[in-house]
Structures are given as structure tokens and as C-alpha cells.
Amino acid sequence: MLSLLNACLTTQALHVAARLGIADELKAGPRGIVELSAALDAQPDTLDRLMRMLAGIGVFSAGEDGTYQLTPLGETLQTDGPKSVRDWALYIGAAAPWSAWGHLYESVKTGTPGFVLAHGMPTYDFLEAHPELAASFNRWMSKQSDQQNAAIVDAYDFSKFQVVADIGGGQGSTLAAVLARYPSLRGILFDKPSVVAGSAPLDASSVRVRCDVVGGDMLEAVPGEADLYIIKRVLMICSDAEAARVLRNCAARMRSGRKVLVVEMVMPPVGEPGPATTFDILMLLANKGGRIRTEAEFRALFAEAGLKLDRVIPTRSPNVLLEGTPA
């Protein structure tokens, strides 16, 4: 239990290491603490204490000559690299999210998100007003999305469709991955006008010529030309009423043979470990009504929207694919 309680100190130590850029500085090889502290503009004594702690959990290793060097675990704090988590370390331990996490007690008591209690607004509104923090958050989300997209196209057969619409598709990385795998498909990227205006991943891809970019509000209506609607990690930030409305808007456009594919984490049975339970607490702290739902809760949402949940398809990521058709 003490290890669990003290984990907050580990989070902050990793955040500081990422913020200082220690892993990037050690990329060229071992460094002594005096040399390292000069490069990082930090005090040698206090930096050494941080390094000792992180060496104790395997992030760095210490040589007999007093130098520190990277371990494979520590390499994940480098700026670049396929396994980098630096941007999440920068975000999760930053002052604004950290103060929101401190309101979990009030969030549990009242249902009000910690971000609203700490900053007067939910997470995404706060990030819009703080572009530097948003940059770390968005880079991490983009990296996660790239990994999830590969799992989606490996797990699902898109070949039976002609037009795929990505609802709330952000900057288009998911749609680009699907269209790249299936060269006969056409796509529709649909999100808020301010979001799709910056659809760099899609614009930079070779599939852009097969894709229409449409701005709008998914709570009002969705494009009607698609025979598959993808809704990836959107419903988790919605209240039940909002989630049902998004699904209902898709159902209103779906004739026979059309499908909806919801990409989300699903809450496991009580007592079963997994990332969904931790992520659910992040949703509680971030946005009013946001949550990770059980399969039964998804079935109820689908039914409320006039849809039938036909299949739940696992992927090699934490997400599952929930396939639905008109009821």
C-alpha cells in the first residue's frame, strides 16, 4: 500500500526528468552529474538526488565512476522514438492537470469534473486556452492514435464498404490508415470546422484525393453519404445523452446494409485489472459525463439510438470494435 501511495512522487519525478530533457541529454552516452547539471541548468546536488531515485526504479543506471546512463526504460523519455512517452509525462505531471487530480474527492462527492473545480472549465476548453500544454497533449494523442489505427485495420474488414465516414475524426489519422490499407475506399472526415482545418496527417498522406473534409457538429447531424460510420474514442468524453444523440444521428443516415463501428475501451468486470478503470477516473476528472462504459451500457446506448450491437471485436490495443446496424 505504501508503494501505491508514494506513486505520486514517481509520477512527478518522471515529469521533471521529461521536462528537463535528461534522456535526450544522455542519448550520446554516460555523463557525470556536474557535466549533466551544467547542460540542464540544474543544481548538481538536487539533480543527483533525482537521478538516484530514478536509477532505483530502472530509468537510469549509475556507473562506478559516478556517471549516469540511459536504460531501455529511460529511453522512452527521449523526445523521439517509437516507444516515447515523453509527451504524456510532460502532460500528466504538469501543474494544471496535477491540480485537477487533487480534486478527485470533490469529484466523487459531487460529480463535478476536477478540471472544472480547479480551473472553471473542462479539459478541452482549458487546453484550447493553453496551447503549450495542448501541444504535449495533442502529440501524445496523435502517437497513441497511430498505434491504435494499426490495430483497427488489422482487426476489421473494411473491403465490403465503399464510403467510410470518420465522425469526430480529428485530424484524420484514423481515416488515412483505413484508406491506405483499402485503396478502393473513399472517405469523409467529419469534425468541428476548427479541428478539420488542421487535418495535417490526412493532408500529408497519399489518400487525400479520396477523401472529403466536412466541418460540422456531430450532436446536430452527420454526413449522409457513407455506408460505414466510424466513431473512435469520442463517446468516452460524452454524457449518456450526448453519446445516444451521436449514435442516433448516425442511425438516421443508415439504410439497410450500413453499419456503425464504435472504437472504445470497454470497462472490465469489477476487480479485473486493466487500463480502462484508470482511464475512467481520468474521464471523471476531465469532462462532465465522460466515462468508460461496460458492454451492457453500450448495448443500451445502441438500443436507445435505434441500433443493434451485433459484434464486439477485440484488437491488439486496449480498444475494442463495437459493430452495429439499424435495429
C-alpha atoms as a PDB file:
ATOM      1  CA  MET A   1       0.000   0.000   0.000  1.00  0.00           C
ATOM      2  CA  LEU A   2       2.842   2.417   0.763  1.00  0.00           C
ATOM      3  CA  SER A   3       4.214   1.877  -2.737  1.00  0.00           C
ATOM      4  CA  LEU A   4       0.825   2.758  -4.190  1.00  0.00           C
ATOM      5  CA  LEU A   5       0.539   5.865  -2.020  1.00  0.00           C
ATOM      6  CA  ASN A   6       4.011   7.053  -2.949  1.00  0.00           C
ATOM      7  CA  ALA A   7       3.450   6.545  -6.682  1.00  0.00           C
ATOM      8  CA  CYS A   8       2.534  10.226  -6.985  1.00  0.00           C
ATOM      9  CA  LEU A   9       6.188  11.071  -6.250  1.00  0.00           C
ATOM     10  CA  THR A  10       7.312   8.759  -9.040  1.00  0.00           C
ATOM     11  CA  THR A  11       4.945  10.476 -11.471  1.00  0.00           C
ATOM     12  CA  GLN A  12       6.366  13.875 -10.572  1.00  0.00           C
ATOM     13  CA  ALA A  13       9.967  12.642 -10.794  1.00  0.00           C
ATOM     14  CA  LEU A  14       9.319  11.272 -14.279  1.00  0.00           C
ATOM     15  CA  HIS A  15       7.590  14.517 -15.271  1.00  0.00           C
ATOM     16  CA  VAL A  16      10.592  16.548 -14.124  1.00  0.00           C
ATOM     17  CA  ALA A  17      13.004  14.221 -15.933  1.00  0.00           C
ATOM     18  CA  ALA A  18      10.987  14.673 -19.124  1.00  0.00           C
ATOM     19  CA  ARG A  19      10.756  18.428 -18.661  1.00  0.00           C
ATOM     20  CA  LEU A  20      14.494  18.768 -18.073  1.00  0.00           C
ATOM     21  CA  GLY A  21      15.227  16.591 -21.093  1.00  0.00           C
ATOM     22  CA  ILE A  22      17.543  14.258 -19.177  1.00  0.00           C
ATOM     23  CA  ALA A  23      17.033  11.293 -21.500  1.00  0.00           C
ATOM     24  CA  ASP A  24      17.808  13.421 -24.547  1.00  0.00           C
ATOM     25  CA  GLU A  25      20.968  14.711 -22.855  1.00  0.00           C
ATOM     26  CA  LEU A  26      22.140  11.161 -22.077  1.00  0.00           C
ATOM     27  CA  LYS A  27      21.481   9.907 -25.597  1.00  0.00           C
ATOM     28  CA  ALA A  28      25.113  10.475 -26.583  1.00  0.00           C
ATOM     29  CA  GLY A  29      26.442   8.451 -23.651  1.00  0.00           C
ATOM     30  CA  PRO A  30      27.115   8.477 -19.879  1.00  0.00           C
ATOM     31  CA  ARG A  31      27.505  11.837 -18.148  1.00  0.00           C
ATOM     32  CA  GLY A  32      28.802  12.842 -14.726  1.00  0.00           C
ATOM     33  CA  ILE A  33      26.452  14.816 -12.503  1.00  0.00           C
ATOM     34  CA  VAL A  34      28.440  18.063 -12.718  1.00  0.00           C
ATOM     35  CA  GLU A  35      28.536  17.941 -16.503  1.00  0.00           C
ATOM     36  CA  LEU A  36      24.882  16.888 -16.684  1.00  0.00           C
ATOM     37  CA  SER A  37      23.682  19.592 -14.294  1.00  0.00           C
ATOM     38  CA  ALA A  38      25.542  22.264 -16.283  1.00  0.00           C
ATOM     39  CA  ALA A  39      23.925  21.097 -19.504  1.00  0.00           C
ATOM     40  CA  LEU A  40      20.469  21.108 -17.895  1.00  0.00           C
ATOM     41  CA  ASP A  41      20.937  24.326 -15.883  1.00  0.00           C
ATOM     42  CA  ALA A  42      20.148  22.489 -12.624  1.00  0.00           C
ATOM     43  CA  GLN A  43      21.810  22.268  -9.207  1.00  0.00           C
ATOM     44  CA  PRO A  44      24.225  19.292  -9.056  1.00  0.00           C
ATOM     45  CA  ASP A  45      23.135  18.137  -5.596  1.00  0.00           C
ATOM     46  CA  THR A  46      19.391  18.222  -6.217  1.00  0.00           C
ATOM     47  CA  LEU A  47      19.715  16.756  -9.704  1.00  0.00           C
ATOM     48  CA  ASP A  48      21.799  13.915  -8.271  1.00  0.00           C
ATOM     49  CA  ARG A  49      19.052  13.150  -5.753  1.00  0.00           C
ATOM     50  CA  LEU A  50      16.507  12.970  -8.574  1.00  0.00           C
ATOM     51  CA  MET A  51      18.816  10.745 -10.618  1.00  0.00           C
ATOM     52  CA  ARG A  52      19.373   8.408  -7.654  1.00  0.00           C
ATOM     53  CA  MET A  53      15.638   7.952  -7.228  1.00  0.00           C
ATOM     54  CA  LEU A  54      15.069   7.260 -10.915  1.00  0.00           C
ATOM     55  CA  ALA A  55      18.074   4.925 -11.073  1.00  0.00           C
ATOM     56  CA  GLY A  56      16.472   2.991  -8.224  1.00  0.00           C
ATOM     57  CA  ILE A  57      13.453   2.193 -10.392  1.00  0.00           C
ATOM     58  CA  GLY A  58      15.444   1.400 -13.525  1.00  0.00           C
ATOM     59  CA  VAL A  59      15.015   4.612 -15.522  1.00  0.00           C
ATOM     60  CA  PHE A  60      18.759   5.334 -15.440  1.00  0.00           C
ATOM     61  CA  SER A  61      21.783   3.338 -14.308  1.00  0.00           C
ATOM     62  CA  ALA A  62      24.800   4.558 -12.338  1.00  0.00           C
ATOM     63  CA  GLY A  63      28.375   3.636 -13.186  1.00  0.00           C
ATOM     64  CA  GLU A  64      31.145   3.024 -10.655  1.00  0.00           C
ATOM     65  CA  ASP A  65      32.792   6.229 -11.893  1.00  0.00           C
ATOM     66  CA  GLY A  66      29.764   8.274 -10.779  1.00  0.00           C
ATOM     67  CA  THR A  67      28.257   8.719 -14.233  1.00  0.00           C
ATOM     68  CA  TYR A  68      24.642   8.110 -15.214  1.00  0.00           C
ATOM     69  CA  GLN A  69      23.455   6.481 -18.400  1.00  0.00           C
ATOM     70  CA  LEU A  70      20.203   5.534 -20.076  1.00  0.00           C
ATOM     71  CA  THR A  71      18.467   2.190 -19.679  1.00  0.00           C
ATOM     72  CA  PRO A  72      15.922   0.807 -22.173  1.00  0.00           C
ATOM     73  CA  LEU A  73      13.206   2.075 -19.818  1.00  0.00           C
ATOM     74  CA  GLY A  74      14.769   5.528 -19.695  1.00  0.00           C
ATOM     75  CA  GLU A  75      14.919   5.686 -23.495  1.00  0.00           C
ATOM     76  CA  THR A  76      11.129   6.019 -23.503  1.00  0.00           C
ATOM     77  CA  LEU A  77      11.584   9.530 -22.061  1.00  0.00           C
ATOM     78  CA  GLN A  78      13.509  10.667 -25.131  1.00  0.00           C
ATOM     79  CA  THR A  79      11.747  13.123 -27.401  1.00  0.00           C
ATOM     80  CA  ASP A  80      11.820  10.844 -30.433  1.00  0.00           C
ATOM     81  CA  GLY A  81      11.450   7.122 -30.809  1.00  0.00           C
ATOM     82  CA  PRO A  82       8.637   4.648 -31.434  1.00  0.00           C
ATOM     83  CA  LYS A  83       8.170   3.942 -27.714  1.00  0.00           C
ATOM     84  CA  SER A  84       8.475   7.521 -26.435  1.00  0.00           C
ATOM     85  CA  VAL A  85       6.076   8.508 -23.634  1.00  0.00           C
ATOM     86  CA  ARG A  86       7.739  11.877 -23.008  1.00  0.00           C
ATOM     87  CA  ASP A  87       4.735  13.930 -24.088  1.00  0.00           C
ATOM     88  CA  TRP A  88       2.453  12.076 -21.672  1.00  0.00           C
ATOM     89  CA  ALA A  89       4.998  12.597 -18.883  1.00  0.00           C
ATOM     90  CA  LEU A  90       5.043  16.312 -19.717  1.00  0.00           C
ATOM     91  CA  TYR A  91       1.244  16.487 -19.584  1.00  0.00           C
ATOM     92  CA  ILE A  92       0.279  14.195 -16.708  1.00  0.00           C
ATOM     93  CA  GLY A  93       2.576  15.882 -14.188  1.00  0.00           C
ATOM     94  CA  ALA A  94       2.075  19.490 -15.316  1.00  0.00           C
ATOM     95  CA  ALA A  95       0.677  21.951 -12.789  1.00  0.00           C
ATOM     96  CA  ALA A  96      -2.774  22.331 -14.363  1.00  0.00           C
ATOM     97  CA  PRO A  97      -3.679  18.624 -14.644  1.00  0.00           C
ATOM     98  CA  TRP A  98      -1.986  17.943 -11.302  1.00  0.00           C
ATOM     99  CA  SER A  99      -4.214  20.450  -9.531  1.00  0.00           C
ATOM    100  CA  ALA A 100      -7.268  18.888 -11.189  1.00  0.00           C
ATOM    101  CA  TRP A 101      -6.269  15.410  -9.939  1.00  0.00           C
ATOM    102  CA  GLY A 102      -6.201  16.921  -6.451  1.00  0.00           C
ATOM    103  CA  HIS A 103      -9.960  17.491  -6.667  1.00  0.00           C
ATOM    104  CA  LEU A 104     -10.858  13.810  -7.017  1.00  0.00           C
ATOM    105  CA  TYR A 105     -12.510  13.817  -3.572  1.00  0.00           C
ATOM    106  CA  GLU A 106     -14.876  16.616  -4.593  1.00  0.00           C
ATOM    107  CA  SER A 107     -15.465  14.968  -7.987  1.00  0.00           C
ATOM    108  CA  VAL A 108     -16.503  11.718  -6.310  1.00  0.00           C
ATOM    109  CA  LYS A 109     -18.760  13.605  -3.887  1.00  0.00           C
ATOM    110  CA  THR A 110     -20.421  15.922  -6.415  1.00  0.00           C
ATOM    111  CA  GLY A 111     -19.816  14.520  -9.899  1.00  0.00           C
ATOM    112  CA  THR A 112     -18.195  17.776 -10.996  1.00  0.00           C
ATOM    113  CA  PRO A 113     -15.003  17.217 -13.034  1.00  0.00           C
ATOM    114  CA  GLY A 114     -11.756  18.059 -11.279  1.00  0.00           C
ATOM    115  CA  PHE A 115     -10.743  20.323 -14.157  1.00  0.00           C
ATOM    116  CA  VAL A 116     -13.905  22.377 -13.685  1.00  0.00           C
ATOM    117  CA  LEU A 117     -13.291  22.622  -9.939  1.00  0.00           C
ATOM    118  CA  ALA A 118      -9.643  23.621 -10.410  1.00  0.00           C
ATOM    119  CA  HIS A 119      -9.883  25.818 -13.496  1.00  0.00           C
ATOM    120  CA  GLY A 120     -13.538  26.648 -14.080  1.00  0.00           C
ATOM    121  CA  MET A 121     -13.740  24.700 -17.347  1.00  0.00           C
ATOM    122  CA  PRO A 122     -13.423  21.112 -18.660  1.00  0.00           C
ATOM    123  CA  THR A 123     -10.172  19.766 -20.053  1.00  0.00           C
ATOM    124  CA  TYR A 124     -10.606  20.501 -23.743  1.00  0.00           C
ATOM    125  CA  ASP A 125     -11.707  24.094 -23.150  1.00  0.00           C
ATOM    126  CA  PHE A 126      -8.683  24.581 -20.893  1.00  0.00           C
ATOM    127  CA  LEU A 127      -6.341  23.140 -23.500  1.00  0.00           C
ATOM    128  CA  GLU A 128      -7.727  25.484 -26.156  1.00  0.00           C
ATOM    129  CA  ALA A 129      -6.717  28.391 -23.931  1.00  0.00           C
ATOM    130  CA  HIS A 130      -3.259  26.960 -23.119  1.00  0.00           C
ATOM    131  CA  PRO A 131      -1.546  25.971 -26.386  1.00  0.00           C
ATOM    132  CA  GLU A 132       1.789  24.931 -24.861  1.00  0.00           C
ATOM    133  CA  LEU A 133       0.164  22.297 -22.645  1.00  0.00           C
ATOM    134  CA  ALA A 134      -2.153  21.367 -25.511  1.00  0.00           C
ATOM    135  CA  ALA A 135       0.869  20.724 -27.736  1.00  0.00           C
ATOM    136  CA  SER A 136       2.174  17.970 -25.423  1.00  0.00           C
ATOM    137  CA  PHE A 137      -1.308  16.509 -25.038  1.00  0.00           C
ATOM    138  CA  ASN A 138      -2.014  16.527 -28.779  1.00  0.00           C
ATOM    139  CA  ARG A 139       1.351  14.999 -29.684  1.00  0.00           C
ATOM    140  CA  TRP A 140       0.699  12.164 -27.230  1.00  0.00           C
ATOM    141  CA  MET A 141      -2.837  11.626 -28.526  1.00  0.00           C
ATOM    142  CA  SER A 142      -1.500  11.522 -32.081  1.00  0.00           C
ATOM    143  CA  LYS A 143       1.149   8.922 -31.171  1.00  0.00           C
ATOM    144  CA  GLN A 144      -1.444   6.798 -29.366  1.00  0.00           C
ATOM    145  CA  SER A 145      -3.814   7.131 -32.283  1.00  0.00           C
ATOM    146  CA  ASP A 146      -1.195   5.896 -34.746  1.00  0.00           C
ATOM    147  CA  GLN A 147      -0.674   2.739 -32.673  1.00  0.00           C
ATOM    148  CA  GLN A 148      -4.419   2.180 -32.298  1.00  0.00           C
ATOM    149  CA  ASN A 149      -5.071   2.722 -36.005  1.00  0.00           C
ATOM    150  CA  ALA A 150      -2.800  -0.152 -36.985  1.00  0.00           C
ATOM    151  CA  ALA A 151      -4.712  -2.401 -34.580  1.00  0.00           C
ATOM    152  CA  ILE A 152      -8.060  -1.299 -36.042  1.00  0.00           C
ATOM    153  CA  VAL A 153      -7.197  -2.015 -39.676  1.00  0.00           C
ATOM    154  CA  ASP A 154      -5.715  -5.377 -38.686  1.00  0.00           C
ATOM    155  CA  ALA A 155      -8.865  -6.403 -36.799  1.00  0.00           C
ATOM    156  CA  TYR A 156     -11.655  -5.311 -39.149  1.00  0.00           C
ATOM    157  CA  ASP A 157     -12.504  -5.999 -42.794  1.00  0.00           C
ATOM    158  CA  PHE A 158     -13.352  -2.694 -44.483  1.00  0.00           C
ATOM    159  CA  SER A 159     -13.387  -4.175 -48.000  1.00  0.00           C
ATOM    160  CA  LYS A 160     -17.190  -4.558 -48.129  1.00  0.00           C
ATOM    161  CA  PHE A 161     -17.741  -0.790 -47.932  1.00  0.00           C
ATOM    162  CA  GLN A 162     -17.459   1.978 -50.490  1.00  0.00           C
ATOM    163  CA  VAL A 163     -17.515   5.152 -48.372  1.00  0.00           C
ATOM    164  CA  VAL A 164     -16.311   5.375 -44.764  1.00  0.00           C
ATOM    165  CA  ALA A 165     -17.059   8.428 -42.604  1.00  0.00           C
ATOM    166  CA  ASP A 166     -14.948   9.130 -39.523  1.00  0.00           C
ATOM    167  CA  ILE A 167     -17.219  11.020 -37.120  1.00  0.00           C
ATOM    168  CA  GLY A 168     -15.275  13.231 -34.735  1.00  0.00           C
ATOM    169  CA  GLY A 169     -12.227  12.079 -36.672  1.00  0.00           C
ATOM    170  CA  GLY A 170      -9.931  14.863 -35.548  1.00  0.00           C
ATOM    171  CA  GLN A 171      -7.095  15.497 -37.972  1.00  0.00           C
ATOM    172  CA  GLY A 172      -7.713  12.362 -39.983  1.00  0.00           C
ATOM    173  CA  SER A 173      -5.042   9.867 -38.937  1.00  0.00           C
ATOM    174  CA  THR A 174      -7.523   7.003 -38.446  1.00  0.00           C
ATOM    175  CA  LEU A 175      -9.243   7.580 -41.759  1.00  0.00           C
ATOM    176  CA  ALA A 176      -5.882   7.874 -43.520  1.00  0.00           C
ATOM    177  CA  ALA A 177      -4.827   4.485 -42.101  1.00  0.00           C
ATOM    178  CA  VAL A 178      -8.045   2.820 -43.293  1.00  0.00           C
ATOM    179  CA  LEU A 179      -7.880   4.348 -46.781  1.00  0.00           C
ATOM    180  CA  ALA A 180      -4.201   3.446 -47.116  1.00  0.00           C
ATOM    181  CA  ARG A 181      -4.976  -0.222 -46.436  1.00  0.00           C
ATOM    182  CA  TYR A 182      -8.032  -0.251 -48.751  1.00  0.00           C
ATOM    183  CA  PRO A 183      -7.281   1.637 -51.986  1.00  0.00           C
ATOM    184  CA  SER A 184     -10.823   1.300 -53.386  1.00  0.00           C
ATOM    185  CA  LEU A 185     -12.429   3.112 -50.433  1.00  0.00           C
ATOM    186  CA  ARG A 186     -13.470   6.743 -50.304  1.00  0.00           C
ATOM    187  CA  GLY A 187     -13.593   8.636 -47.017  1.00  0.00           C
ATOM    188  CA  ILE A 188     -15.310  11.515 -45.250  1.00  0.00           C
ATOM    189  CA  LEU A 189     -13.534  13.246 -42.375  1.00  0.00           C
ATOM    190  CA  PHE A 190     -16.121  14.940 -40.151  1.00  0.00           C
ATOM    191  CA  ASP A 191     -15.403  17.100 -37.108  1.00  0.00           C
ATOM    192  CA  LYS A 192     -15.714  20.684 -35.911  1.00  0.00           C
ATOM    193  CA  PRO A 193     -14.609  23.166 -38.600  1.00  0.00           C
ATOM    194  CA  SER A 194     -11.761  24.403 -36.395  1.00  0.00           C
ATOM    195  CA  VAL A 195     -10.495  20.819 -35.994  1.00  0.00           C
ATOM    196  CA  VAL A 196     -10.616  19.624 -39.598  1.00  0.00           C
ATOM    197  CA  ALA A 197      -8.964  22.872 -40.704  1.00  0.00           C
ATOM    198  CA  GLY A 198      -5.745  21.424 -39.282  1.00  0.00           C
ATOM    199  CA  SER A 199      -6.014  17.930 -40.770  1.00  0.00           C
ATOM    200  CA  ALA A 200      -2.261  17.632 -41.337  1.00  0.00           C
ATOM    201  CA  PRO A 201      -1.980  13.802 -41.086  1.00  0.00           C
ATOM    202  CA  LEU A 202      -4.619  13.412 -43.791  1.00  0.00           C
ATOM    203  CA  ASP A 203      -3.305  16.253 -45.956  1.00  0.00           C
ATOM    204  CA  ALA A 204       0.195  14.767 -45.888  1.00  0.00           C
ATOM    205  CA  SER A 205      -0.974  11.313 -46.969  1.00  0.00           C
ATOM    206  CA  SER A 206      -1.419   9.917 -50.452  1.00  0.00           C
ATOM    207  CA  VAL A 207      -5.114   9.189 -49.771  1.00  0.00           C
ATOM    208  CA  ARG A 208      -6.202  12.831 -49.544  1.00  0.00           C
ATOM    209  CA  VAL A 209      -7.596  12.742 -53.092  1.00  0.00           C
ATOM    210  CA  ARG A 210     -10.058  10.040 -51.992  1.00  0.00           C
ATOM    211  CA  CYS A 211     -11.360  11.961 -49.004  1.00  0.00           C
ATOM    212  CA  ASP A 212     -13.832  14.794 -48.421  1.00  0.00           C
ATOM    213  CA  VAL A 213     -13.314  17.002 -45.369  1.00  0.00           C
ATOM    214  CA  VAL A 214     -16.556  18.260 -43.823  1.00  0.00           C
ATOM    215  CA  GLY A 215     -16.986  20.591 -40.861  1.00  0.00           C
ATOM    216  CA  GLY A 216     -19.999  20.315 -38.590  1.00  0.00           C
ATOM    217  CA  ASP A 217     -21.404  19.310 -35.207  1.00  0.00           C
ATOM    218  CA  MET A 218     -21.970  15.603 -34.611  1.00  0.00           C
ATOM    219  CA  LEU A 219     -24.584  16.462 -31.978  1.00  0.00           C
ATOM    220  CA  GLU A 220     -26.687  18.076 -34.715  1.00  0.00           C
ATOM    221  CA  ALA A 221     -26.205  15.851 -37.777  1.00  0.00           C
ATOM    222  CA  VAL A 222     -23.646  13.744 -39.649  1.00  0.00           C
ATOM    223  CA  PRO A 223     -22.945  13.372 -43.397  1.00  0.00           C
ATOM    224  CA  GLY A 224     -25.306  11.020 -45.193  1.00  0.00           C
ATOM    225  CA  GLU A 225     -23.160   9.582 -47.945  1.00  0.00           C
ATOM    226  CA  ALA A 226     -21.320   6.839 -46.011  1.00  0.00           C
ATOM    227  CA  ASP A 227     -22.089   3.148 -45.644  1.00  0.00           C
ATOM    228  CA  LEU A 228     -19.827   2.818 -42.570  1.00  0.00           C
ATOM    229  CA  TYR A 229     -19.608   5.334 -39.731  1.00  0.00           C
ATOM    230  CA  ILE A 230     -16.515   5.133 -37.520  1.00  0.00           C
ATOM    231  CA  ILE A 231     -16.755   6.781 -34.088  1.00  0.00           C
ATOM    232  CA  LYS A 232     -13.374   6.407 -32.435  1.00  0.00           C
ATOM    233  CA  ARG A 233     -12.833   7.330 -28.765  1.00  0.00           C
ATOM    234  CA  VAL A 234     -15.462  10.055 -28.971  1.00  0.00           C
ATOM    235  CA  LEU A 235     -18.269   8.615 -26.858  1.00  0.00           C
ATOM    236  CA  MET A 236     -15.966   8.309 -23.822  1.00  0.00           C
ATOM    237  CA  ILE A 237     -15.947  12.105 -23.465  1.00  0.00           C
ATOM    238  CA  CYS A 238     -19.741  12.324 -23.883  1.00  0.00           C
ATOM    239  CA  SER A 239     -22.549  12.042 -21.379  1.00  0.00           C
ATOM    240  CA  ASP A 240     -25.011   9.212 -21.990  1.00  0.00           C
ATOM    241  CA  ALA A 241     -27.469  11.675 -23.552  1.00  0.00           C
ATOM    242  CA  GLU A 242     -24.801  13.095 -25.871  1.00  0.00           C
ATOM    243  CA  ALA A 243     -23.492   9.643 -26.813  1.00  0.00           C
ATOM    244  CA  ALA A 244     -27.004   8.449 -27.662  1.00  0.00           C
ATOM    245  CA  ARG A 245     -27.546  11.588 -29.760  1.00  0.00           C
ATOM    246  CA  VAL A 246     -24.391  10.986 -31.797  1.00  0.00           C
ATOM    247  CA  LEU A 247     -25.408   7.380 -32.414  1.00  0.00           C
ATOM    248  CA  ARG A 248     -28.968   8.456 -33.242  1.00  0.00           C
ATOM    249  CA  ASN A 249     -27.685  10.939 -35.810  1.00  0.00           C
ATOM    250  CA  CYS A 250     -25.717   8.142 -37.452  1.00  0.00           C
ATOM    251  CA  ALA A 251     -28.721   5.806 -37.329  1.00  0.00           C
ATOM    252  CA  ALA A 252     -30.846   8.449 -39.049  1.00  0.00           C
ATOM    253  CA  ARG A 253     -28.490   8.273 -42.050  1.00  0.00           C
ATOM    254  CA  MET A 254     -28.194   4.487 -42.163  1.00  0.00           C
ATOM    255  CA  ARG A 255     -30.185   2.476 -44.674  1.00  0.00           C
ATOM    256  CA  SER A 256     -30.115  -1.310 -44.926  1.00  0.00           C
ATOM    257  CA  GLY A 257     -26.588  -2.679 -45.069  1.00  0.00           C
ATOM    258  CA  ARG A 258     -24.970   0.356 -43.475  1.00  0.00           C
ATOM    259  CA  LYS A 259     -23.030  -0.057 -40.258  1.00  0.00           C
ATOM    260  CA  VAL A 260     -21.580   1.919 -37.384  1.00  0.00           C
ATOM    261  CA  LEU A 261     -18.220   0.994 -35.853  1.00  0.00           C
ATOM    262  CA  VAL A 262     -17.562   2.420 -32.392  1.00  0.00           C
ATOM    263  CA  VAL A 263     -13.937   2.211 -31.234  1.00  0.00           C
ATOM    264  CA  GLU A 264     -13.665   2.429 -27.446  1.00  0.00           C
ATOM    265  CA  MET A 265     -12.255   0.819 -24.350  1.00  0.00           C
ATOM    266  CA  VAL A 266     -14.819  -1.316 -22.535  1.00  0.00           C
ATOM    267  CA  MET A 267     -14.968  -1.484 -18.761  1.00  0.00           C
ATOM    268  CA  PRO A 268     -13.982  -4.969 -17.500  1.00  0.00           C
ATOM    269  CA  PRO A 269     -15.817  -6.810 -14.707  1.00  0.00           C
ATOM    270  CA  VAL A 270     -15.319  -5.390 -11.209  1.00  0.00           C
ATOM    271  CA  GLY A 271     -11.974  -6.450  -9.743  1.00  0.00           C
ATOM    272  CA  GLU A 272     -10.394  -7.244 -13.104  1.00  0.00           C
ATOM    273  CA  PRO A 273      -7.299  -5.108 -13.796  1.00  0.00           C
ATOM    274  CA  GLY A 274      -6.787  -3.116 -16.959  1.00  0.00           C
ATOM    275  CA  PRO A 275      -6.237   0.402 -18.299  1.00  0.00           C
ATOM    276  CA  ALA A 276      -9.961   1.095 -18.667  1.00  0.00           C
ATOM    277  CA  THR A 277     -10.562   1.519 -14.931  1.00  0.00           C
ATOM    278  CA  THR A 278      -7.751   4.061 -14.570  1.00  0.00           C
ATOM    279  CA  PHE A 279      -8.818   5.885 -17.717  1.00  0.00           C
ATOM    280  CA  ASP A 280     -12.355   6.080 -16.350  1.00  0.00           C
ATOM    281  CA  ILE A 281     -11.076   8.140 -13.406  1.00  0.00           C
ATOM    282  CA  LEU A 282      -9.325  10.460 -15.873  1.00  0.00           C
ATOM    283  CA  MET A 283     -12.681  10.885 -17.620  1.00  0.00           C
ATOM    284  CA  LEU A 284     -14.342  11.673 -14.288  1.00  0.00           C
ATOM    285  CA  LEU A 285     -11.763  14.398 -13.668  1.00  0.00           C
ATOM    286  CA  ALA A 286     -11.727  15.747 -17.219  1.00  0.00           C
ATOM    287  CA  ASN A 287     -15.234  16.239 -18.597  1.00  0.00           C
ATOM    288  CA  LYS A 288     -18.792  16.271 -17.306  1.00  0.00           C
ATOM    289  CA  GLY A 289     -20.470  12.980 -18.162  1.00  0.00           C
ATOM    290  CA  GLY A 290     -17.408  11.360 -19.736  1.00  0.00           C
ATOM    291  CA  ARG A 291     -16.853   7.719 -18.779  1.00  0.00           C
ATOM    292  CA  ILE A 292     -15.647   4.295 -19.874  1.00  0.00           C
ATOM    293  CA  ARG A 293     -18.705   2.084 -20.355  1.00  0.00           C
ATOM    294  CA  THR A 294     -19.429  -1.607 -19.957  1.00  0.00           C
ATOM    295  CA  GLU A 295     -20.585  -3.724 -22.873  1.00  0.00           C
ATOM    296  CA  ALA A 296     -24.086  -3.729 -21.374  1.00  0.00           C
ATOM    297  CA  GLU A 297     -24.083   0.075 -21.228  1.00  0.00           C
ATOM    298  CA  PHE A 298     -23.060   0.229 -24.884  1.00  0.00           C
ATOM    299  CA  ARG A 299     -25.870  -2.161 -25.810  1.00  0.00           C
ATOM    300  CA  ALA A 300     -28.325   0.129 -24.035  1.00  0.00           C
ATOM    301  CA  LEU A 301     -26.950   3.219 -25.814  1.00  0.00           C
ATOM    302  CA  PHE A 302     -27.177   1.479 -29.187  1.00  0.00           C
ATOM    303  CA  ALA A 303     -30.772   0.425 -28.492  1.00  0.00           C
ATOM    304  CA  GLU A 304     -31.733   3.947 -27.401  1.00  0.00           C
ATOM    305  CA  ALA A 305     -30.383   5.231 -30.713  1.00  0.00           C
ATOM    306  CA  GLY A 306     -32.300   2.663 -32.771  1.00  0.00           C
ATOM    307  CA  LEU A 307     -29.282   0.448 -33.361  1.00  0.00           C
ATOM    308  CA  LYS A 308     -28.434  -3.174 -32.592  1.00  0.00           C
ATOM    309  CA  LEU A 309     -24.976  -4.083 -31.278  1.00  0.00           C
ATOM    310  CA  ASP A 310     -24.079  -7.072 -33.444  1.00  0.00           C
ATOM    311  CA  ARG A 311     -20.419  -7.757 -32.655  1.00  0.00           C
ATOM    312  CA  VAL A 312     -17.729  -6.826 -30.135  1.00  0.00           C
ATOM    313  CA  ILE A 313     -14.367  -7.362 -31.828  1.00  0.00           C
ATOM    314  CA  PRO A 314     -11.133  -7.367 -29.799  1.00  0.00           C
ATOM    315  CA  THR A 315      -7.985  -5.675 -31.089  1.00  0.00           C
ATOM    316  CA  ARG A 316      -4.347  -5.826 -30.005  1.00  0.00           C
ATOM    317  CA  SER A 317      -4.812  -2.405 -28.391  1.00  0.00           C
ATOM    318  CA  PRO A 318      -6.893  -1.558 -25.296  1.00  0.00           C
ATOM    319  CA  ASN A 319      -9.780  -0.690 -27.650  1.00  0.00           C
ATOM    320  CA  VAL A 320     -12.500  -2.976 -28.929  1.00  0.00           C
ATOM    321  CA  LEU A 321     -14.653  -2.513 -32.036  1.00  0.00           C
ATOM    322  CA  LEU A 322     -18.404  -2.364 -31.428  1.00  0.00           C
ATOM    323  CA  GLU A 323     -20.229  -3.008 -34.700  1.00  0.00           C
ATOM    324  CA  GLY A 324     -23.869  -2.013 -35.012  1.00  0.00           C
ATOM    325  CA  THR A 325     -26.666  -1.967 -37.580  1.00  0.00           C
ATOM    326  CA  PRO A 326     -30.157  -0.412 -37.670  1.00  0.00           C
ATOM    327  CA  ALA A 327     -32.469  -2.261 -35.285  1.00  0.00           C
END
